[in-house]
Amino acid sequence: MWDAQHGEDLGVIIPEGAYADLRKIKARKDALIDKSVSGIAAGLDKNENISYFKAEASFTGPKTVSIGNEGITADQIFINVGARPFVPPGYEDVPYLTSTSILELEEIPEHLIIVGGSYIGLEFGQMFRRFGSRVTIVERGDTIIGREDPETSAAILQFLKDEGIEFRLQASCITAKNEEDGNISVAVDCKLGGPPKIEGSHVLLAVGRKANTDTLNLEATGVSTNQRGFIEVDDYLQTKISGIYALGDCNGKGAFTHTAYNDYEIVAANMFEGKHRKVSDRIITYNLFVDPPMGRAGMTKKEALAKGYKILEAKREMSRISRAKEKGETNGFMSTLIDADTNKILGACVLGTGGDEIISSLLNIMYADAPYQIIRDSVQPHPTISELIPTMLESLTKVS
C-alpha cells in the first residue's frame, strides 16, 4: 500500500484508486497458516512414536497429566503451552480486539484505537493506517516502546506520526465503554493534554501477553511460577521438579518464536548429544516489524550503562547511506555499542531499511566472541546498507 501511494516519489506514476481489500488479504493469510498447520499436523500423524491428543490437559500429580477421562504418566514432561494476549480490567463490556482476533477482520476499521504503544501496538497501528484506517495509539508511558533507548523510541515515534498516526502519551485511568452510535469510547487522562475521551469504531488491546499456565493445576506438581504466571526454570530449562521442563513463551525466557525453537535445541542437544547448552548462552535478539523495521541484538545503551560497562558507540544515520537514499527510505540509523575494555560488541540496533536482516551480521560477530575490528576491517558488497557498517565502526565516541 505504501509503494502504491508513493510511487511518484521514485518517478513511477500509479493511477489513483489503489486500496486494500482486507477480505483478500485475510484469505491469503489464512491459506499460508493453513498450509503450515496442515504440514505440522501431518508430521505428527505420520510419526509412529507420537500419540496426539487434542484436548485440554492439567496435572493431577507431579508426573501425571489428565486429558479428559484419561491419565498419562511419564518420567519426563515438557510443558510448552505458550501465551495469550493479556486483557486488563475495564474492557469487559466492550467488543475489544486482541492481536489474535484482529487478524479475523474482513473490513478495515474506520478508526482503530490501540491501547498500548509497544511492539504489537505499533506494528498493527502502522499496518491499519496504511490500509486506510484512522489510528490512535494510547500509551501510559511518556514514550513508546520504553524498553528501547530514548533516541530509538523518538525516531520511531516521529516517522509513525509523519504517516498520520495519532498518539496519546502519559495516559492513565484508561477505560472503555460502548456509545449509543455503535462506536467505542476510550477515556484517557493524559498529562500532555488533549480531549479526555477518544471515540473509535474498534479498540485493540496491545498491553502484553500472559502465560497459559493458569489452567494446568501446577500446584499438583510442585512446579513454581513467578508473579506473572511464567514457569520458573533453570539454565537448562528444567523446573525445580526433576524431569519436568518448560519451553517457549510459558517460561518467560524470550517470548519469541526464535527463542522458543532455541529452547528445543538446548534440551535436545543436552539430552541426545551430550552437550551442555544453556539459556544464558544466547544473546537477546528481536525485531520490531514496522516500516522501516528495527533489528536489535544484545544490550541497549541504558542496559549496558546500568551494568557498569565502559561504552564506546558507533552510529550512522540512514540519511547518510547511499542505498537508503536511492530507495527513498532514509528514516532511522545504525548503532553499535562496544565494550571499551575488551573491544567486544555489547549490543547493536539497526533501525532502517533492511534492519531486520542486517542485524544478523553484527549478531554473528557477537556469537563468535570476536572483537568489533573483525567486521570493521571487512569488505562488504556495494551498494548495500551493510557496506557502511565498517565505516560506522571507524568512528567511536565515549558514552557516559
Foldseek 3Di string as FASTA:
>chain_A
DVCLVPVVVQPDDHDPDDADQLQVVLVVVVVVVVVVVVVVVVVQVPDPVHDDDPADWADPAQAWIDGPPDIDGDLAAEAEQAWFADDDPFCPADPAAELVRVSVDRDQWQEEEEEAQEQSRLAVQQVSLVNPHAYEYEYLAQFGRPQADPVVRVLSVVVSVVSRYHYQYNWPPWHWDADPVQWIKIATDGPVDDDRIDTTNHYYYDHDIAAPQPVHPCVNNPFDADPRQATDAFFLQATPRPNYGYAENSNVLANDPVRRVVSVVSNCCVPPVVDHHTSVLDWHWDKRPDVVIKTKTAHHPVVCVVVPFWKKKFKDFQVPAVVCVSVVKRRFIKMWIARPVQQATRMIMGRTHPNNPLVVVNSVSNSVVHHPVVLLPDQDDPPDPSRCPNVRVVDIDTDD
